[in-house]
Amino acid sequence: MIARGLGRPGGRLDRLPDVEPAIATTELTHHPSPWQRGPTALPVRFTPMPASR
């Protein structure tokens, strides 16, 4: 999952400096679970960067 990788120390969110939500927060749907509160999806827009090794 992208969110897990980016949220960890060492995540590479700095490679996506212009990341922004692709939809309004009012359009988000959440998991229908009392144990997990989070969006079912989090669409974003960003400019792809060339791969570096």
PDB file of N, CA and C in Angstrom:
ATOM      1  N   MET A   1       0.830  -1.184   0.000  1.00  0.00           N
ATOM      2  CA  MET A   1       0.000   0.000   0.000  1.00  0.00           C
ATOM      3  C   MET A   1       0.878   1.252   0.000  1.00  0.00           C
ATOM      4  N   ILE A   2       0.515   2.193  -0.798  1.00  0.00           N
ATOM      5  CA  ILE A   2       1.294   3.420  -0.895  1.00  0.00           C
ATOM      6  C   ILE A   2       1.287   4.181   0.424  1.00  0.00           C
ATOM      7  N   ALA A   3       0.127   4.303   1.035  1.00  0.00           N
ATOM      8  CA  ALA A   3       0.021   5.083   2.260  1.00  0.00           C
ATOM      9  C   ALA A   3       0.915   4.533   3.355  1.00  0.00           C
ATOM     10  N   ARG A   4       0.988   3.231   3.490  1.00  0.00           N
ATOM     11  CA  ARG A   4       1.843   2.643   4.518  1.00  0.00           C
ATOM     12  C   ARG A   4       3.310   2.925   4.243  1.00  0.00           C
ATOM     13  N   GLY A   5       3.712   2.807   3.000  1.00  0.00           N
ATOM     14  CA  GLY A   5       5.110   3.060   2.656  1.00  0.00           C
ATOM     15  C   GLY A   5       5.503   4.512   2.834  1.00  0.00           C
ATOM     16  N   LEU A   6       4.607   5.424   2.520  1.00  0.00           N
ATOM     17  CA  LEU A   6       4.921   6.843   2.646  1.00  0.00           C
ATOM     18  C   LEU A   6       4.860   7.322   4.081  1.00  0.00           C
ATOM     19  N   GLY A   7       4.049   6.669   4.892  1.00  0.00           N
ATOM     20  CA  GLY A   7       3.890   7.097   6.275  1.00  0.00           C
ATOM     21  C   GLY A   7       4.993   6.634   7.200  1.00  0.00           C
ATOM     22  N   ARG A   8       5.784   5.689   6.777  1.00  0.00           N
ATOM     23  CA  ARG A   8       6.871   5.170   7.610  1.00  0.00           C
ATOM     24  C   ARG A   8       8.082   6.082   7.546  1.00  0.00           C
ATOM     25  N   PRO A   9       8.908   6.035   8.591  1.00  0.00           N
ATOM     26  CA  PRO A   9      10.175   6.765   8.494  1.00  0.00           C
ATOM     27  C   PRO A   9      10.951   6.256   7.280  1.00  0.00           C
ATOM     28  N   GLY A  10      11.510   7.148   6.540  1.00  0.00           N
ATOM     29  CA  GLY A  10      12.217   6.744   5.329  1.00  0.00           C
ATOM     30  C   GLY A  10      11.304   6.700   4.118  1.00  0.00           C
ATOM     31  N   GLY A  11      10.003   6.988   4.297  1.00  0.00           N
ATOM     32  CA  GLY A  11       9.080   7.041   3.169  1.00  0.00           C
ATOM     33  C   GLY A  11       9.532   8.132   2.211  1.00  0.00           C
ATOM     34  N   ARG A  12       9.199   8.016   0.966  1.00  0.00           N
ATOM     35  CA  ARG A  12       9.728   8.937  -0.032  1.00  0.00           C
ATOM     36  C   ARG A  12       8.686   9.930  -0.523  1.00  0.00           C
ATOM     37  N   LEU A  13       7.963  10.542   0.381  1.00  0.00           N
ATOM     38  CA  LEU A  13       6.978  11.545   0.008  1.00  0.00           C
ATOM     39  C   LEU A  13       7.648  12.766  -0.625  1.00  0.00           C
ATOM     40  N   ASP A  14       8.929  12.981  -0.339  1.00  0.00           N
ATOM     41  CA  ASP A  14       9.645  14.110  -0.936  1.00  0.00           C
ATOM     42  C   ASP A  14       9.777  13.974  -2.446  1.00  0.00           C
ATOM     43  N   ARG A  15       9.556  12.797  -2.974  1.00  0.00           N
ATOM     44  CA  ARG A  15       9.602  12.597  -4.421  1.00  0.00           C
ATOM     45  C   ARG A  15       8.313  13.043  -5.106  1.00  0.00           C
ATOM     46  N   LEU A  16       7.314  13.372  -4.336  1.00  0.00           N
ATOM     47  CA  LEU A  16       6.037  13.840  -4.876  1.00  0.00           C
ATOM     48  C   LEU A  16       5.724  15.211  -4.276  1.00  0.00           C
ATOM     49  N   PRO A  17       6.467  16.239  -4.670  1.00  0.00           N
ATOM     50  CA  PRO A  17       6.288  17.537  -4.015  1.00  0.00           C
ATOM     51  C   PRO A  17       4.950  18.209  -4.306  1.00  0.00           C
ATOM     52  N   ASP A  18       4.278  17.822  -5.382  1.00  0.00           N
ATOM     53  CA  ASP A  18       3.012  18.478  -5.726  1.00  0.00           C
ATOM     54  C   ASP A  18       1.803  17.569  -5.541  1.00  0.00           C
ATOM     55  N   VAL A  19       1.929  16.563  -4.675  1.00  0.00           N
ATOM     56  CA  VAL A  19       0.808  15.646  -4.453  1.00  0.00           C
ATOM     57  C   VAL A  19      -0.359  16.412  -3.830  1.00  0.00           C
ATOM     58  N   GLU A  20      -1.566  16.155  -4.356  1.00  0.00           N
ATOM     59  CA  GLU A  20      -2.774  16.814  -3.854  1.00  0.00           C
ATOM     60  C   GLU A  20      -3.962  15.879  -4.037  1.00  0.00           C
ATOM     61  N   PRO A  21      -5.001  16.044  -3.223  1.00  0.00           N
ATOM     62  CA  PRO A  21      -6.192  15.196  -3.366  1.00  0.00           C
ATOM     63  C   PRO A  21      -6.823  15.374  -4.741  1.00  0.00           C
ATOM     64  N   ALA A  22      -7.307  14.287  -5.312  1.00  0.00           N
ATOM     65  CA  ALA A  22      -7.961  14.336  -6.626  1.00  0.00           C
ATOM     66  C   ALA A  22      -9.461  14.566  -6.503  1.00  0.00           C
ATOM     67  N   ILE A  23      -9.996  14.447  -5.297  1.00  0.00           N
ATOM     68  CA  ILE A  23     -11.423  14.680  -5.059  1.00  0.00           C
ATOM     69  C   ILE A  23     -11.577  15.516  -3.792  1.00  0.00           C
ATOM     70  N   ALA A  24     -12.756  16.084  -3.619  1.00  0.00           N
ATOM     71  CA  ALA A  24     -13.037  16.856  -2.406  1.00  0.00           C
ATOM     72  C   ALA A  24     -13.170  15.908  -1.209  1.00  0.00           C
ATOM     73  N   THR A  25     -12.801  16.375  -0.046  1.00  0.00           N
ATOM     74  CA  THR A  25     -12.902  15.526   1.149  1.00  0.00           C
ATOM     75  C   THR A  25     -14.339  15.102   1.428  1.00  0.00           C
ATOM     76  N   THR A  26     -15.300  15.882   0.969  1.00  0.00           N
ATOM     77  CA  THR A  26     -16.706  15.526   1.172  1.00  0.00           C
ATOM     78  C   THR A  26     -17.111  14.328   0.313  1.00  0.00           C
ATOM     79  N   GLU A  27     -16.318  13.981  -0.690  1.00  0.00           N
ATOM     80  CA  GLU A  27     -16.615  12.851  -1.565  1.00  0.00           C
ATOM     81  C   GLU A  27     -15.993  11.542  -1.076  1.00  0.00           C
ATOM     82  N   LEU A  28     -15.165  11.597  -0.046  1.00  0.00           N
ATOM     83  CA  LEU A  28     -14.533  10.386   0.465  1.00  0.00           C
ATOM     84  C   LEU A  28     -15.559   9.468   1.116  1.00  0.00           C
ATOM     85  N   THR A  29     -15.369   8.175   0.928  1.00  0.00           N
ATOM     86  CA  THR A  29     -16.186   7.183   1.631  1.00  0.00           C
ATOM     87  C   THR A  29     -15.281   6.486   2.635  1.00  0.00           C
ATOM     88  N   HIS A  30     -15.851   6.076   3.754  1.00  0.00           N
ATOM     89  CA  HIS A  30     -15.067   5.455   4.821  1.00  0.00           C
ATOM     90  C   HIS A  30     -15.460   3.994   5.005  1.00  0.00           C
ATOM     91  N   HIS A  31     -14.536   3.230   5.568  1.00  0.00           N
ATOM     92  CA  HIS A  31     -14.803   1.824   5.870  1.00  0.00           C
ATOM     93  C   HIS A  31     -15.972   1.739   6.851  1.00  0.00           C
ATOM     94  N   PRO A  32     -16.908   0.854   6.583  1.00  0.00           N
ATOM     95  CA  PRO A  32     -18.058   0.710   7.494  1.00  0.00           C
ATOM     96  C   PRO A  32     -17.726  -0.236   8.648  1.00  0.00           C
ATOM     97  N   SER A  33     -16.715   0.098   9.406  1.00  0.00           N
ATOM     98  CA  SER A  33     -16.270  -0.776  10.477  1.00  0.00           C
ATOM     99  C   SER A  33     -16.065   0.029  11.753  1.00  0.00           C
ATOM    100  N   PRO A  34     -16.470  -0.512  12.893  1.00  0.00           N
ATOM    101  CA  PRO A  34     -16.215   0.196  14.147  1.00  0.00           C
ATOM    102  C   PRO A  34     -14.744   0.114  14.574  1.00  0.00           C
ATOM    103  N   TRP A  35     -13.948  -0.762  13.956  1.00  0.00           N
ATOM    104  CA  TRP A  35     -12.550  -0.951  14.327  1.00  0.00           C
ATOM    105  C   TRP A  35     -11.579  -0.192  13.436  1.00  0.00           C
ATOM    106  N   GLN A  36     -12.030   0.230  12.287  1.00  0.00           N
ATOM    107  CA  GLN A  36     -11.136   0.913  11.354  1.00  0.00           C
ATOM    108  C   GLN A  36     -11.812   2.173  10.837  1.00  0.00           C
ATOM    109  N   ARG A  37     -11.232   3.319  11.104  1.00  0.00           N
ATOM    110  CA  ARG A  37     -11.770   4.585  10.611  1.00  0.00           C
ATOM    111  C   ARG A  37     -10.777   5.125   9.601  1.00  0.00           C
ATOM    112  N   GLY A  38     -11.142   5.069   8.367  1.00  0.00           N
ATOM    113  CA  GLY A  38     -10.275   5.574   7.316  1.00  0.00           C
ATOM    114  C   GLY A  38     -10.984   5.494   5.988  1.00  0.00           C
ATOM    115  N   PRO A  39     -10.478   6.220   5.013  1.00  0.00           N
ATOM    116  CA  PRO A  39     -11.115   6.201   3.700  1.00  0.00           C
ATOM    117  C   PRO A  39     -10.922   4.864   2.992  1.00  0.00           C
ATOM    118  N   THR A  40     -11.896   4.490   2.181  1.00  0.00           N
ATOM    119  CA  THR A  40     -11.773   3.260   1.394  1.00  0.00           C
ATOM    120  C   THR A  40     -10.788   3.451   0.256  1.00  0.00           C
ATOM    121  N   ALA A  41     -10.605   4.696  -0.178  1.00  0.00           N
ATOM    122  CA  ALA A  41      -9.630   5.036  -1.215  1.00  0.00           C
ATOM    123  C   ALA A  41      -9.222   6.487  -1.011  1.00  0.00           C
ATOM    124  N   LEU A  42      -8.033   6.829  -1.462  1.00  0.00           N
ATOM    125  CA  LEU A  42      -7.558   8.202  -1.355  1.00  0.00           C
ATOM    126  C   LEU A  42      -6.895   8.585  -2.677  1.00  0.00           C
ATOM    127  N   PRO A  43      -7.717   8.949  -3.659  1.00  0.00           N
ATOM    128  CA  PRO A  43      -7.157   9.319  -4.960  1.00  0.00           C
ATOM    129  C   PRO A  43      -6.385  10.632  -4.881  1.00  0.00           C
ATOM    130  N   VAL A  44      -5.221  10.646  -5.509  1.00  0.00           N
ATOM    131  CA  VAL A  44      -4.380  11.843  -5.524  1.00  0.00           C
ATOM    132  C   VAL A  44      -3.899  12.137  -6.938  1.00  0.00           C
ATOM    133  N   ARG A  45      -3.455  13.376  -7.145  1.00  0.00           N
ATOM    134  CA  ARG A  45      -2.834  13.799  -8.403  1.00  0.00           C
ATOM    135  C   ARG A  45      -1.411  14.227  -8.083  1.00  0.00           C
ATOM    136  N   PHE A  46      -0.500  13.944  -9.018  1.00  0.00           N
ATOM    137  CA  PHE A  46       0.873  14.403  -8.875  1.00  0.00           C
ATOM    138  C   PHE A  46       1.568  14.312 -10.225  1.00  0.00           C
ATOM    139  N   THR A  47       2.664  14.995 -10.345  1.00  0.00           N
ATOM    140  CA  THR A  47       3.458  14.949 -11.565  1.00  0.00           C
ATOM    141  C   THR A  47       4.455  13.806 -11.435  1.00  0.00           C
ATOM    142  N   PRO A  48       4.408  12.816 -12.321  1.00  0.00           N
ATOM    143  CA  PRO A  48       5.366  11.708 -12.241  1.00  0.00           C
ATOM    144  C   PRO A  48       6.800  12.212 -12.409  1.00  0.00           C
ATOM    145  N   MET A  49       7.691  11.649 -11.632  1.00  0.00           N
ATOM    146  CA  MET A  49       9.101  11.983 -11.704  1.00  0.00           C
ATOM    147  C   MET A  49       9.845  10.813 -12.336  1.00  0.00           C
ATOM    148  N   PRO A  50      10.944  11.060 -13.021  1.00  0.00           N
ATOM    149  CA  PRO A  50      11.721   9.966 -13.580  1.00  0.00           C
ATOM    150  C   PRO A  50      12.287   9.083 -12.471  1.00  0.00           C
ATOM    151  N   ALA A  51      12.345   7.810 -12.735  1.00  0.00           N
ATOM    152  CA  ALA A  51      12.899   6.875 -11.762  1.00  0.00           C
ATOM    153  C   ALA A  51      14.403   7.111 -11.601  1.00  0.00           C
ATOM    154  N   SER A  52      14.862   7.074 -10.358  1.00  0.00           N
ATOM    155  CA  SER A  52      16.297   7.192 -10.104  1.00  0.00           C
ATOM    156  C   SER A  52      16.753   5.990  -9.316  1.00  0.00           C
ATOM    157  N   ARG A  53      17.955   5.605  -9.545  1.00  0.00           N
ATOM    158  CA  ARG A  53      18.482   4.417  -8.845  1.00  0.00           C
ATOM    159  C   ARG A  53      19.640   4.788  -8.006  1.00  0.00           C
TER     160      ARG A  53
END
